C-alpha atoms as a PDB file:
ATOM      1  CA  UNK A   1      19.948   4.701 -16.231  1.00  0.00           C
ATOM      2  CA  UNK A   2      18.202   6.820 -18.791  1.00  0.00           C
ATOM      3  CA  UNK A   3      14.612   7.914 -18.640  1.00  0.00           C
ATOM      4  CA  UNK A   4      12.161   6.035 -20.803  1.00  0.00           C
ATOM      5  CA  UNK A   5       8.862   6.856 -22.428  1.00  0.00           C
ATOM      6  CA  UNK A   6       6.197   4.156 -22.358  1.00  0.00           C
ATOM      7  CA  UNK A   7       2.797   3.931 -23.993  1.00  0.00           C
ATOM      8  CA  UNK A   8      -0.342   3.441 -21.911  1.00  0.00           C
ATOM      9  CA  UNK A   9      -2.140   0.228 -22.894  1.00  0.00           C
ATOM     10  CA  UNK A  10      -5.882  -0.096 -23.527  1.00  0.00           C
ATOM     11  CA  UNK A  11      -6.600  -0.908 -19.867  1.00  0.00           C
ATOM     12  CA  UNK A  12      -4.371   1.851 -18.478  1.00  0.00           C
ATOM     13  CA  UNK A  13      -1.419  -0.498 -18.058  1.00  0.00           C
ATOM     14  CA  UNK A  14       2.226   0.445 -18.462  1.00  0.00           C
ATOM     15  CA  UNK A  15       5.305  -1.722 -18.807  1.00  0.00           C
ATOM     16  CA  UNK A  16       8.208  -1.053 -16.449  1.00  0.00           C
ATOM     17  CA  UNK A  17      11.527  -1.812 -18.114  1.00  0.00           C
ATOM     18  CA  UNK A  18      13.208  -5.003 -16.916  1.00  0.00           C
ATOM     19  CA  UNK A  19      16.355  -3.147 -15.862  1.00  0.00           C
ATOM     20  CA  UNK A  20      14.234  -0.905 -13.600  1.00  0.00           C
ATOM     21  CA  UNK A  21      12.339  -3.873 -12.124  1.00  0.00           C
ATOM     22  CA  UNK A  22      15.616  -5.699 -11.481  1.00  0.00           C
ATOM     23  CA  UNK A  23      17.204  -2.662  -9.834  1.00  0.00           C
ATOM     24  CA  UNK A  24      14.191  -2.231  -7.510  1.00  0.00           C
ATOM     25  CA  UNK A  25      13.613  -5.946  -6.920  1.00  0.00           C
ATOM     26  CA  UNK A  26      10.110  -5.854  -8.422  1.00  0.00           C
ATOM     27  CA  UNK A  27       8.914  -9.284  -9.499  1.00  0.00           C
ATOM     28  CA  UNK A  28       5.718 -10.557 -11.123  1.00  0.00           C
ATOM     29  CA  UNK A  29       2.895 -10.473  -8.572  1.00  0.00           C
ATOM     30  CA  UNK A  30       4.578  -7.886  -6.321  1.00  0.00           C
ATOM     31  CA  UNK A  31       2.693  -4.781  -5.261  1.00  0.00           C
ATOM     32  CA  UNK A  32       3.671  -1.203  -6.019  1.00  0.00           C
ATOM     33  CA  UNK A  33       2.387   2.039  -4.552  1.00  0.00           C
ATOM     34  CA  UNK A  34       1.334   4.823  -6.903  1.00  0.00           C
ATOM     35  CA  UNK A  35       1.596   8.414  -5.709  1.00  0.00           C
ATOM     36  CA  UNK A  36       0.643  11.617  -7.492  1.00  0.00           C
ATOM     37  CA  UNK A  37       3.026  14.433  -6.587  1.00  0.00           C
ATOM     38  CA  UNK A  38       2.176  17.690  -8.353  1.00  0.00           C
ATOM     39  CA  UNK A  39       2.207  16.656 -12.033  1.00  0.00           C
ATOM     40  CA  UNK A  40       4.301  13.505 -11.502  1.00  0.00           C
ATOM     41  CA  UNK A  41       3.267   9.878 -11.024  1.00  0.00           C
ATOM     42  CA  UNK A  42       5.615   7.977  -8.694  1.00  0.00           C
ATOM     43  CA  UNK A  43       5.656   4.186  -8.628  1.00  0.00           C
ATOM     44  CA  UNK A  44       7.317   2.644  -5.564  1.00  0.00           C
ATOM     45  CA  UNK A  45       7.760  -1.011  -4.635  1.00  0.00           C
ATOM     46  CA  UNK A  46       5.835  -2.045  -1.527  1.00  0.00           C
ATOM     47  CA  UNK A  47       7.158  -4.576   0.958  1.00  0.00           C
ATOM     48  CA  UNK A  48       3.879  -6.343   1.775  1.00  0.00           C
ATOM     49  CA  UNK A  49       5.414  -8.210   4.724  1.00  0.00           C
ATOM     50  CA  UNK A  50       6.519  -4.907   6.259  1.00  0.00           C
ATOM     51  CA  UNK A  51       3.053  -3.395   5.724  1.00  0.00           C
ATOM     52  CA  UNK A  52       1.376  -6.425   7.330  1.00  0.00           C
ATOM     53  CA  UNK A  53       3.640  -6.037  10.366  1.00  0.00           C
ATOM     54  CA  UNK A  54       2.501  -2.406  10.682  1.00  0.00           C
ATOM     55  CA  UNK A  55      -1.137  -3.541  10.569  1.00  0.00           C
ATOM     56  CA  UNK A  56      -0.521  -6.231  13.209  1.00  0.00           C
ATOM     57  CA  UNK A  57       1.166  -3.683  15.479  1.00  0.00           C
ATOM     58  CA  UNK A  58      -1.722  -1.245  15.056  1.00  0.00           C
ATOM     59  CA  UNK A  59      -4.253  -4.010  15.725  1.00  0.00           C
ATOM     60  CA  UNK A  60      -2.391  -4.949  18.897  1.00  0.00           C
ATOM     61  CA  UNK A  61      -2.358  -1.341  20.101  1.00  0.00           C
ATOM     62  CA  UNK A  62      -6.074  -0.947  19.380  1.00  0.00           C
ATOM     63  CA  UNK A  63      -7.021  -4.172  21.139  1.00  0.00           C
ATOM     64  CA  UNK A  64      -5.335  -2.973  24.344  1.00  0.00           C
ATOM     65  CA  UNK A  65      -7.637   0.076  24.429  1.00  0.00           C
ATOM     66  CA  UNK A  66     -10.746  -1.629  23.029  1.00  0.00           C
ATOM     67  CA  UNK A  67     -13.744  -1.851  25.390  1.00  0.00           C
ATOM     68  CA  UNK A  68     -14.038  -5.443  26.594  1.00  0.00           C
ATOM     69  CA  UNK A  69     -16.908  -7.500  25.191  1.00  0.00           C
ATOM     70  CA  UNK A  70     -18.040  -4.952  22.599  1.00  0.00           C
ATOM     71  CA  UNK A  71     -18.051  -5.245  18.837  1.00  0.00           C
ATOM     72  CA  UNK A  72     -17.202  -2.218  16.693  1.00  0.00           C
ATOM     73  CA  UNK A  73     -20.815  -0.995  16.377  1.00  0.00           C
ATOM     74  CA  UNK A  74     -21.394  -1.258  20.128  1.00  0.00           C
ATOM     75  CA  UNK A  75     -18.092   0.475  20.879  1.00  0.00           C
ATOM     76  CA  UNK A  76     -18.961   3.405  18.588  1.00  0.00           C
ATOM     77  CA  UNK A  77     -22.433   3.714  20.152  1.00  0.00           C
ATOM     78  CA  UNK A  78     -20.862   3.724  23.620  1.00  0.00           C
ATOM     79  CA  UNK A  79     -18.352   6.389  22.554  1.00  0.00           C
ATOM     80  CA  UNK A  80     -21.155   8.635  21.251  1.00  0.00           C
ATOM     81  CA  UNK A  81     -23.215   8.475  24.453  1.00  0.00           C
END
């Protein structure tokens, strides 16, 4: 694949070539991650299902260590005392 130059639209939008979207499996409505690395903008597809699984795992880990019967404000107050 060759590099391409695209114009930024009036709302900051860019168009990703169809061949690139097809190669990366990006479809309408999918999410992408944007990363600035030095002077380069990277655009990576995001697997939302995979990210949700990470959040669920983190939530599960936190709930095991969460003080019983306290909401987040109460837990922070307790931690600070």
